Amino acid sequence: MAGEPKGPGLRRLAEMTSIGLILPSSIAVGLFMGYFLDRWLGTHPWLLLTFTVLGVASGLLSLFRALKKEIRGDPPES
């Protein structure tokens, strides 16, 4: 156990863990941006809805890219 390299295994674990946070974080960013722009511009609820949909689309795209990379077995980025 003491002589085994820990780098690649821990890096892989970190990448797998981050995949679960991609979608909710993208949705949250879109939601907060839309909320604050709606308050600032007085366009309630249109920018909130627009940016939430864009956050969902962006999150799904990022999630699919990360899963595709994981399935292919590409080496972790440094």
PDB file of N, CA and C in Angstrom:
ATOM      1  N   MET A   1       0.814  -1.186   0.000  1.00  0.00           N
ATOM      2  CA  MET A   1       0.000   0.000   0.000  1.00  0.00           C
ATOM      3  C   MET A   1       0.861   1.254   0.000  1.00  0.00           C
ATOM      4  N   ALA A   2       1.974   1.254   0.719  1.00  0.00           N
ATOM      5  CA  ALA A   2       2.808   2.446   0.819  1.00  0.00           C
ATOM      6  C   ALA A   2       3.546   2.721  -0.481  1.00  0.00           C
ATOM      7  N   GLY A   3       3.837   1.702  -1.290  1.00  0.00           N
ATOM      8  CA  GLY A   3       4.597   1.888  -2.503  1.00  0.00           C
ATOM      9  C   GLY A   3       3.754   2.153  -3.736  1.00  0.00           C
ATOM     10  N   GLU A   4       2.425   2.133  -3.626  1.00  0.00           N
ATOM     11  CA  GLU A   4       1.557   2.320  -4.779  1.00  0.00           C
ATOM     12  C   GLU A   4       1.408   3.808  -5.114  1.00  0.00           C
ATOM     13  N   PRO A   5       1.419   4.154  -6.407  1.00  0.00           N
ATOM     14  CA  PRO A   5       1.188   5.558  -6.780  1.00  0.00           C
ATOM     15  C   PRO A   5      -0.284   5.920  -6.575  1.00  0.00           C
ATOM     16  N   LYS A   6      -0.517   7.077  -5.983  1.00  0.00           N
ATOM     17  CA  LYS A   6      -1.885   7.499  -5.682  1.00  0.00           C
ATOM     18  C   LYS A   6      -2.431   8.492  -6.690  1.00  0.00           C
ATOM     19  N   GLY A   7      -1.577   9.140  -7.467  1.00  0.00           N
ATOM     20  CA  GLY A   7      -1.975  10.225  -8.359  1.00  0.00           C
ATOM     21  C   GLY A   7      -3.071   9.883  -9.346  1.00  0.00           C
ATOM     22  N   PRO A   8      -2.863   8.922 -10.267  1.00  0.00           N
ATOM     23  CA  PRO A   8      -3.884   8.675 -11.294  1.00  0.00           C
ATOM     24  C   PRO A   8      -5.227   8.204 -10.731  1.00  0.00           C
ATOM     25  N   GLY A   9      -5.204   7.386  -9.695  1.00  0.00           N
ATOM     26  CA  GLY A   9      -6.455   6.895  -9.119  1.00  0.00           C
ATOM     27  C   GLY A   9      -7.251   7.998  -8.453  1.00  0.00           C
ATOM     28  N   LEU A  10      -6.584   8.867  -7.733  1.00  0.00           N
ATOM     29  CA  LEU A  10      -7.280   9.976  -7.075  1.00  0.00           C
ATOM     30  C   LEU A  10      -7.780  10.996  -8.090  1.00  0.00           C
ATOM     31  N   ARG A  11      -7.009  11.202  -9.132  1.00  0.00           N
ATOM     32  CA  ARG A  11      -7.436  12.150 -10.162  1.00  0.00           C
ATOM     33  C   ARG A  11      -8.691  11.627 -10.862  1.00  0.00           C
ATOM     34  N   ARG A  12      -8.718  10.333 -11.123  1.00  0.00           N
ATOM     35  CA  ARG A  12      -9.885   9.706 -11.772  1.00  0.00           C
ATOM     36  C   ARG A  12     -11.120   9.809 -10.862  1.00  0.00           C
ATOM     37  N   LEU A  13     -10.919   9.572  -9.569  1.00  0.00           N
ATOM     38  CA  LEU A  13     -12.011   9.695  -8.605  1.00  0.00           C
ATOM     39  C   LEU A  13     -12.542  11.125  -8.554  1.00  0.00           C
ATOM     40  N   ALA A  14     -11.660  12.093  -8.594  1.00  0.00           N
ATOM     41  CA  ALA A  14     -12.085  13.497  -8.573  1.00  0.00           C
ATOM     42  C   ALA A  14     -12.887  13.845  -9.821  1.00  0.00           C
ATOM     43  N   GLU A  15     -12.466  13.351 -10.971  1.00  0.00           N
ATOM     44  CA  GLU A  15     -13.222  13.611 -12.196  1.00  0.00           C
ATOM     45  C   GLU A  15     -14.601  12.969 -12.150  1.00  0.00           C
ATOM     46  N   MET A  16     -14.682  11.756 -11.650  1.00  0.00           N
ATOM     47  CA  MET A  16     -15.981  11.080 -11.552  1.00  0.00           C
ATOM     48  C   MET A  16     -16.906  11.812 -10.584  1.00  0.00           C
ATOM     49  N   THR A  17     -16.357  12.321  -9.504  1.00  0.00           N
ATOM     50  CA  THR A  17     -17.162  13.050  -8.530  1.00  0.00           C
ATOM     51  C   THR A  17     -17.686  14.352  -9.123  1.00  0.00           C
ATOM     52  N   SER A  18     -16.864  15.019  -9.914  1.00  0.00           N
ATOM     53  CA  SER A  18     -17.284  16.298 -10.481  1.00  0.00           C
ATOM     54  C   SER A  18     -18.383  16.142 -11.520  1.00  0.00           C
ATOM     55  N   ILE A  19     -18.505  14.975 -12.133  1.00  0.00           N
ATOM     56  CA  ILE A  19     -19.558  14.761 -13.133  1.00  0.00           C
ATOM     57  C   ILE A  19     -20.942  14.954 -12.508  1.00  0.00           C
ATOM     58  N   GLY A  20     -21.106  14.547 -11.266  1.00  0.00           N
ATOM     59  CA  GLY A  20     -22.391  14.699 -10.597  1.00  0.00           C
ATOM     60  C   GLY A  20     -22.760  16.131 -10.269  1.00  0.00           C
ATOM     61  N   LEU A  21     -21.794  17.032 -10.311  1.00  0.00           N
ATOM     62  CA  LEU A  21     -22.056  18.433  -9.989  1.00  0.00           C
ATOM     63  C   LEU A  21     -22.237  19.311 -11.223  1.00  0.00           C
ATOM     64  N   ILE A  22     -21.987  18.764 -12.396  1.00  0.00           N
ATOM     65  CA  ILE A  22     -22.039  19.569 -13.619  1.00  0.00           C
ATOM     66  C   ILE A  22     -23.441  20.108 -13.877  1.00  0.00           C
ATOM     67  N   LEU A  23     -24.439  19.253 -13.897  1.00  0.00           N
ATOM     68  CA  LEU A  23     -25.795  19.672 -14.239  1.00  0.00           C
ATOM     69  C   LEU A  23     -26.399  20.627 -13.198  1.00  0.00           C
ATOM     70  N   PRO A  24     -26.376  20.295 -11.904  1.00  0.00           N
ATOM     71  CA  PRO A  24     -26.989  21.227 -10.946  1.00  0.00           C
ATOM     72  C   PRO A  24     -26.285  22.584 -10.880  1.00  0.00           C
ATOM     73  N   SER A  25     -24.980  22.601 -11.046  1.00  0.00           N
ATOM     74  CA  SER A  25     -24.281  23.886 -10.983  1.00  0.00           C
ATOM     75  C   SER A  25     -24.614  24.751 -12.194  1.00  0.00           C
ATOM     76  N   SER A  26     -24.741  24.159 -13.366  1.00  0.00           N
ATOM     77  CA  SER A  26     -25.114  24.929 -14.559  1.00  0.00           C
ATOM     78  C   SER A  26     -26.523  25.493 -14.430  1.00  0.00           C
ATOM     79  N   ILE A  27     -27.429  24.705 -13.915  1.00  0.00           N
ATOM     80  CA  ILE A  27     -28.802  25.174 -13.714  1.00  0.00           C
ATOM     81  C   ILE A  27     -28.824  26.314 -12.694  1.00  0.00           C
ATOM     82  N   ALA A  28     -28.062  26.177 -11.617  1.00  0.00           N
ATOM     83  CA  ALA A  28     -28.033  27.215 -10.584  1.00  0.00           C
ATOM     84  C   ALA A  28     -27.474  28.525 -11.122  1.00  0.00           C
ATOM     85  N   VAL A  29     -26.426  28.458 -11.926  1.00  0.00           N
ATOM     86  CA  VAL A  29     -25.852  29.678 -12.502  1.00  0.00           C
ATOM     87  C   VAL A  29     -26.877  30.371 -13.395  1.00  0.00           C
ATOM     88  N   GLY A  30     -27.542  29.624 -14.260  1.00  0.00           N
ATOM     89  CA  GLY A  30     -28.561  30.207 -15.129  1.00  0.00           C
ATOM     90  C   GLY A  30     -29.719  30.790 -14.340  1.00  0.00           C
ATOM     91  N   LEU A  31     -30.139  30.083 -13.306  1.00  0.00           N
ATOM     92  CA  LEU A  31     -31.254  30.546 -12.483  1.00  0.00           C
ATOM     93  C   LEU A  31     -30.907  31.859 -11.773  1.00  0.00           C
ATOM     94  N   PHE A  32     -29.729  31.925 -11.164  1.00  0.00           N
ATOM     95  CA  PHE A  32     -29.344  33.144 -10.444  1.00  0.00           C
ATOM     96  C   PHE A  32     -29.119  34.317 -11.393  1.00  0.00           C
ATOM     97  N   MET A  33     -28.519  34.065 -12.542  1.00  0.00           N
ATOM     98  CA  MET A  33     -28.324  35.150 -13.509  1.00  0.00           C
ATOM     99  C   MET A  33     -29.669  35.692 -13.981  1.00  0.00           C
ATOM    100  N   GLY A  34     -30.592  34.804 -14.307  1.00  0.00           N
ATOM    101  CA  GLY A  34     -31.912  35.240 -14.747  1.00  0.00           C
ATOM    102  C   GLY A  34     -32.664  35.993 -13.664  1.00  0.00           C
ATOM    103  N   TYR A  35     -32.558  35.521 -12.432  1.00  0.00           N
ATOM    104  CA  TYR A  35     -33.249  36.178 -11.315  1.00  0.00           C
ATOM    105  C   TYR A  35     -32.748  37.600 -11.112  1.00  0.00           C
ATOM    106  N   PHE A  36     -31.421  37.749 -11.069  1.00  0.00           N
ATOM    107  CA  PHE A  36     -30.872  39.080 -10.810  1.00  0.00           C
ATOM    108  C   PHE A  36     -31.058  40.020 -11.993  1.00  0.00           C
ATOM    109  N   LEU A  37     -31.005  39.511 -13.221  1.00  0.00           N
ATOM    110  CA  LEU A  37     -31.284  40.366 -14.376  1.00  0.00           C
ATOM    111  C   LEU A  37     -32.756  40.773 -14.413  1.00  0.00           C
ATOM    112  N   ASP A  38     -33.645  39.872 -14.027  1.00  0.00           N
ATOM    113  CA  ASP A  38     -35.070  40.218 -13.950  1.00  0.00           C
ATOM    114  C   ASP A  38     -35.313  41.322 -12.930  1.00  0.00           C
ATOM    115  N   ARG A  39     -34.675  41.216 -11.786  1.00  0.00           N
ATOM    116  CA  ARG A  39     -34.848  42.251 -10.756  1.00  0.00           C
ATOM    117  C   ARG A  39     -34.291  43.586 -11.236  1.00  0.00           C
ATOM    118  N   TRP A  40     -33.158  43.555 -11.918  1.00  0.00           N
ATOM    119  CA  TRP A  40     -32.499  44.775 -12.357  1.00  0.00           C
ATOM    120  C   TRP A  40     -33.262  45.443 -13.513  1.00  0.00           C
ATOM    121  N   LEU A  41     -33.734  44.633 -14.465  1.00  0.00           N
ATOM    122  CA  LEU A  41     -34.390  45.173 -15.650  1.00  0.00           C
ATOM    123  C   LEU A  41     -35.911  45.202 -15.553  1.00  0.00           C
ATOM    124  N   GLY A  42     -36.479  44.555 -14.541  1.00  0.00           N
ATOM    125  CA  GLY A  42     -37.932  44.545 -14.365  1.00  0.00           C
ATOM    126  C   GLY A  42     -38.663  43.724 -15.418  1.00  0.00           C
ATOM    127  N   THR A  43     -38.086  42.635 -15.846  1.00  0.00           N
ATOM    128  CA  THR A  43     -38.691  41.811 -16.891  1.00  0.00           C
ATOM    129  C   THR A  43     -39.239  40.499 -16.343  1.00  0.00           C
ATOM    130  N   HIS A  44     -39.564  40.460 -15.088  1.00  0.00           N
ATOM    131  CA  HIS A  44     -39.997  39.231 -14.407  1.00  0.00           C
ATOM    132  C   HIS A  44     -41.111  38.538 -15.173  1.00  0.00           C
ATOM    133  N   PRO A  45     -41.121  37.300 -15.448  1.00  0.00           N
ATOM    134  CA  PRO A  45     -40.216  36.180 -15.198  1.00  0.00           C
ATOM    135  C   PRO A  45     -39.412  35.762 -16.425  1.00  0.00           C
ATOM    136  N   TRP A  46     -39.358  36.590 -17.467  1.00  0.00           N
ATOM    137  CA  TRP A  46     -38.849  36.136 -18.758  1.00  0.00           C
ATOM    138  C   TRP A  46     -37.361  35.800 -18.760  1.00  0.00           C
ATOM    139  N   LEU A  47     -36.543  36.619 -18.173  1.00  0.00           N
ATOM    140  CA  LEU A  47     -35.111  36.311 -18.162  1.00  0.00           C
ATOM    141  C   LEU A  47     -34.804  35.133 -17.233  1.00  0.00           C
ATOM    142  N   LEU A  48     -35.553  35.001 -16.167  1.00  0.00           N
ATOM    143  CA  LEU A  48     -35.388  33.856 -15.282  1.00  0.00           C
ATOM    144  C   LEU A  48     -35.651  32.558 -16.049  1.00  0.00           C
ATOM    145  N   LEU A  49     -36.736  32.511 -16.776  1.00  0.00           N
ATOM    146  CA  LEU A  49     -37.061  31.315 -17.560  1.00  0.00           C
ATOM    147  C   LEU A  49     -36.031  31.064 -18.658  1.00  0.00           C
ATOM    148  N   THR A  50     -35.643  32.116 -19.352  1.00  0.00           N
ATOM    149  CA  THR A  50     -34.685  31.978 -20.455  1.00  0.00           C
ATOM    150  C   THR A  50     -33.342  31.456 -19.968  1.00  0.00           C
ATOM    151  N   PHE A  51     -32.812  32.065 -18.922  1.00  0.00           N
ATOM    152  CA  PHE A  51     -31.502  31.658 -18.429  1.00  0.00           C
ATOM    153  C   PHE A  51     -31.545  30.299 -17.740  1.00  0.00           C
ATOM    154  N   THR A  52     -32.671  29.936 -17.167  1.00  0.00           N
ATOM    155  CA  THR A  52     -32.788  28.600 -16.580  1.00  0.00           C
ATOM    156  C   THR A  52     -32.759  27.538 -17.679  1.00  0.00           C
ATOM    157  N   VAL A  53     -33.477  27.782 -18.768  1.00  0.00           N
ATOM    158  CA  VAL A  53     -33.456  26.848 -19.901  1.00  0.00           C
ATOM    159  C   VAL A  53     -32.046  26.773 -20.498  1.00  0.00           C
ATOM    160  N   LEU A  54     -31.377  27.916 -20.636  1.00  0.00           N
ATOM    161  CA  LEU A  54     -29.996  27.907 -21.137  1.00  0.00           C
ATOM    162  C   LEU A  54     -29.056  27.170 -20.188  1.00  0.00           C
ATOM    163  N   GLY A  55     -29.280  27.291 -18.887  1.00  0.00           N
ATOM    164  CA  GLY A  55     -28.471  26.564 -17.911  1.00  0.00           C
ATOM    165  C   GLY A  55     -28.677  25.066 -18.005  1.00  0.00           C
ATOM    166  N   VAL A  56     -29.918  24.650 -18.210  1.00  0.00           N
ATOM    167  CA  VAL A  56     -30.207  23.222 -18.374  1.00  0.00           C
ATOM    168  C   VAL A  56     -29.536  22.693 -19.642  1.00  0.00           C
ATOM    169  N   ALA A  57     -29.661  23.438 -20.734  1.00  0.00           N
ATOM    170  CA  ALA A  57     -29.050  23.000 -21.993  1.00  0.00           C
ATOM    171  C   ALA A  57     -27.529  22.941 -21.865  1.00  0.00           C
ATOM    172  N   SER A  58     -26.945  23.944 -21.254  1.00  0.00           N
ATOM    173  CA  SER A  58     -25.497  23.971 -21.069  1.00  0.00           C
ATOM    174  C   SER A  58     -25.038  22.838 -20.159  1.00  0.00           C
ATOM    175  N   GLY A  59     -25.782  22.591 -19.098  1.00  0.00           N
ATOM    176  CA  GLY A  59     -25.442  21.510 -18.181  1.00  0.00           C
ATOM    177  C   GLY A  59     -25.523  20.144 -18.834  1.00  0.00           C
ATOM    178  N   LEU A  60     -26.557  19.924 -19.641  1.00  0.00           N
ATOM    179  CA  LEU A  60     -26.689  18.646 -20.327  1.00  0.00           C
ATOM    180  C   LEU A  60     -25.566  18.445 -21.349  1.00  0.00           C
ATOM    181  N   LEU A  61     -25.227  19.505 -22.073  1.00  0.00           N
ATOM    182  CA  LEU A  61     -24.136  19.413 -23.033  1.00  0.00           C
ATOM    183  C   LEU A  61     -22.812  19.092 -22.337  1.00  0.00           C
ATOM    184  N   SER A  62     -22.541  19.777 -21.244  1.00  0.00           N
ATOM    185  CA  SER A  62     -21.310  19.510 -20.491  1.00  0.00           C
ATOM    186  C   SER A  62     -21.310  18.107 -19.891  1.00  0.00           C
ATOM    187  N   LEU A  63     -22.461  17.670 -19.406  1.00  0.00           N
ATOM    188  CA  LEU A  63     -22.578  16.339 -18.831  1.00  0.00           C
ATOM    189  C   LEU A  63     -22.324  15.263 -19.890  1.00  0.00           C
ATOM    190  N   PHE A  64     -22.921  15.425 -21.064  1.00  0.00           N
ATOM    191  CA  PHE A  64     -22.712  14.448 -22.137  1.00  0.00           C
ATOM    192  C   PHE A  64     -21.261  14.418 -22.594  1.00  0.00           C
ATOM    193  N   ARG A  65     -20.633  15.588 -22.662  1.00  0.00           N
ATOM    194  CA  ARG A  65     -19.216  15.626 -23.047  1.00  0.00           C
ATOM    195  C   ARG A  65     -18.345  14.914 -22.018  1.00  0.00           C
ATOM    196  N   ALA A  66     -18.606  15.156 -20.746  1.00  0.00           N
ATOM    197  CA  ALA A  66     -17.808  14.519 -19.693  1.00  0.00           C
ATOM    198  C   ALA A  66     -18.025  13.012 -19.683  1.00  0.00           C
ATOM    199  N   LEU A  67     -19.277  12.579 -19.860  1.00  0.00           N
ATOM    200  CA  LEU A  67     -19.548  11.138 -19.892  1.00  0.00           C
ATOM    201  C   LEU A  67     -18.942  10.476 -21.119  1.00  0.00           C
ATOM    202  N   LYS A  68     -18.988  11.158 -22.250  1.00  0.00           N
ATOM    203  CA  LYS A  68     -18.387  10.620 -23.465  1.00  0.00           C
ATOM    204  C   LYS A  68     -16.881  10.450 -23.273  1.00  0.00           C
ATOM    205  N   LYS A  69     -16.253  11.433 -22.662  1.00  0.00           N
ATOM    206  CA  LYS A  69     -14.819  11.367 -22.382  1.00  0.00           C
ATOM    207  C   LYS A  69     -14.517  10.222 -21.422  1.00  0.00           C
ATOM    208  N   GLU A  70     -15.367  10.040 -20.438  1.00  0.00           N
ATOM    209  CA  GLU A  70     -15.162   8.978 -19.446  1.00  0.00           C
ATOM    210  C   GLU A  70     -15.342   7.595 -20.078  1.00  0.00           C
ATOM    211  N   ILE A  71     -16.323   7.460 -20.937  1.00  0.00           N
ATOM    212  CA  ILE A  71     -16.566   6.173 -21.591  1.00  0.00           C
ATOM    213  C   ILE A  71     -15.421   5.813 -22.535  1.00  0.00           C
ATOM    214  N   ARG A  72     -14.899   6.817 -23.250  1.00  0.00           N
ATOM    215  CA  ARG A  72     -13.768   6.576 -24.139  1.00  0.00           C
ATOM    216  C   ARG A  72     -12.517   6.189 -23.366  1.00  0.00           C
ATOM    217  N   GLY A  73     -12.424   6.613 -22.130  1.00  0.00           N
ATOM    218  CA  GLY A  73     -11.269   6.292 -21.308  1.00  0.00           C
ATOM    219  C   GLY A  73     -10.088   7.214 -21.553  1.00  0.00           C
ATOM    220  N   ASP A  74     -10.374   8.466 -21.935  1.00  0.00           N
ATOM    221  CA  ASP A  74      -9.289   9.414 -22.139  1.00  0.00           C
ATOM    222  C   ASP A  74      -8.539   9.641 -20.828  1.00  0.00           C
ATOM    223  N   PRO A  75      -7.247   9.911 -20.900  1.00  0.00           N
ATOM    224  CA  PRO A  75      -6.496  10.184 -19.673  1.00  0.00           C
ATOM    225  C   PRO A  75      -6.948  11.495 -19.061  1.00  0.00           C
ATOM    226  N   PRO A  76      -6.864  11.615 -17.730  1.00  0.00           N
ATOM    227  CA  PRO A  76      -7.283  12.840 -17.056  1.00  0.00           C
ATOM    228  C   PRO A  76      -6.446  14.034 -17.497  1.00  0.00           C
ATOM    229  N   GLU A  77      -7.103  15.195 -17.592  1.00  0.00           N
ATOM    230  CA  GLU A  77      -6.390  16.414 -17.928  1.00  0.00           C
ATOM    231  C   GLU A  77      -5.655  16.924 -16.702  1.00  0.00           C
ATOM    232  N   SER A  78      -4.507  17.506 -16.934  1.00  0.00           N
ATOM    233  CA  SER A  78      -3.748  18.030 -15.786  1.00  0.00           C
ATOM    234  C   SER A  78      -3.933  19.511 -15.642  1.00  0.00           C
TER     235      SER A  78
END
